[in-house]
Protein backbone atom coordinates (compact mmCIF):
# COMPACT_ATOMS: atom_id res chain seq x y z
CA MET A 1 0.00 0.00 0.00
CA ASP A 2 1.03 3.62 -0.37
CA VAL A 3 1.72 5.50 2.85
CA LEU A 4 1.64 9.29 2.62
CA TYR A 5 3.08 11.77 5.11
CA PHE A 6 2.08 15.43 5.35
CA ALA A 7 3.37 18.56 7.10
CA TRP A 8 5.71 17.91 10.06
CA VAL A 9 5.21 14.15 9.75
CA ARG A 10 6.83 14.31 6.30
CA GLU A 11 9.60 16.53 7.66
CA ARG A 12 10.46 14.10 10.48
CA ILE A 13 10.42 11.01 8.28
CA GLY A 14 12.04 12.71 5.30
CA LEU A 15 9.67 11.28 2.69
CA PRO A 16 6.38 12.49 1.21
CA LYS A 17 5.25 8.91 0.52
CA GLU A 18 6.46 5.36 0.26
CA ARG A 19 5.23 1.95 -0.78
CA VAL A 20 4.93 -0.37 2.23
CA GLU A 21 4.46 -4.12 2.28
CA THR A 22 2.70 -4.98 5.51
CA GLU A 23 0.80 -7.71 7.30
CA ALA A 24 -0.75 -5.13 9.66
CA ALA A 25 -4.43 -5.68 10.37
CA THR A 26 -5.16 -2.12 11.52
CA VAL A 27 -3.70 1.37 11.19
CA ALA A 28 -2.36 1.05 14.76
CA ASP A 29 -0.54 -2.15 13.77
CA LEU A 30 0.97 -0.34 10.78
CA VAL A 31 2.13 2.48 13.05
CA GLU A 32 3.87 -0.06 15.30
CA GLU A 33 5.64 -1.59 12.29
CA LEU A 34 6.76 1.85 11.12
CA ARG A 35 7.93 2.89 14.62
CA ALA A 36 10.13 -0.19 14.76
CA ARG A 37 11.93 0.70 11.50
CA GLU A 38 14.09 3.64 12.57
CA GLU A 39 14.30 6.46 15.09
CA ARG A 40 12.85 8.98 12.63
CA TYR A 41 9.63 6.95 12.40
CA ALA A 42 9.53 6.50 16.17
CA MET A 43 9.80 10.27 16.56
CA ALA A 44 7.10 10.98 13.96
CA PHE A 45 4.67 8.55 15.61
CA ALA A 46 5.59 9.23 19.24
CA ASP A 47 2.32 11.02 20.07
CA LEU A 48 -0.65 9.62 18.16
CA SER A 49 -2.96 12.20 19.75
CA ALA A 50 -1.14 14.77 17.58
CA LEU A 51 -1.93 12.84 14.38
CA ARG A 52 -4.89 12.14 12.16
CA VAL A 53 -5.17 9.35 9.61
CA ALA A 54 -7.04 8.85 6.36
CA VAL A 55 -7.62 5.44 4.80
CA ASP A 56 -8.26 5.54 1.06
CA GLN A 57 -8.86 9.30 1.42
CA GLU A 58 -11.49 8.95 4.17
CA LEU A 59 -10.80 10.12 7.73
CA ALA A 60 -10.43 7.09 9.98
CA ASP A 61 -9.45 5.99 13.47
CA PHE A 62 -6.25 4.17 14.32
CA ASP A 63 -8.26 0.97 14.85
CA ALA A 64 -9.48 1.05 11.22
CA PRO A 65 -8.89 -2.23 9.36
CA LEU A 66 -6.39 -2.29 6.49
CA ALA A 67 -7.78 -5.23 4.50
CA GLY A 68 -8.01 -4.14 0.86
CA VAL A 69 -6.71 -0.63 1.60
CA ARG A 70 -4.58 1.01 -1.09
CA GLU A 71 -3.54 4.21 0.70
CA VAL A 72 -2.98 5.43 4.26
CA ALA A 73 -2.15 9.08 4.97
CA PHE A 74 -0.84 10.59 8.21
CA PHE A 75 -1.12 14.29 8.98
CA PRO A 76 -1.50 16.71 11.89
CA PRO A 77 -4.99 17.94 12.83
CA MET A 78 -6.31 20.59 10.48
CA THR A 79 -7.71 23.90 11.55
CA GLY A 80 -10.13 26.05 9.66
CA GLY A 81 -10.95 29.65 9.72
């Protein structure tokens, strides 16, 4: 699946997106796999309360299933105004 990173998440990881092969069942499982890769991922995903996630371009929770998913995006909360 494609994993996209936006704003400061992209800056910490150093990539706008990457292709990830995973056996993760949920977004939270994917986050754990990513955290285990390198320190930069661990830093980016240190505080999940500061992150939002979209699964196939729909806002989702971290317990969202990944079966059949093509894209997961991580980004900080958005503000409007």
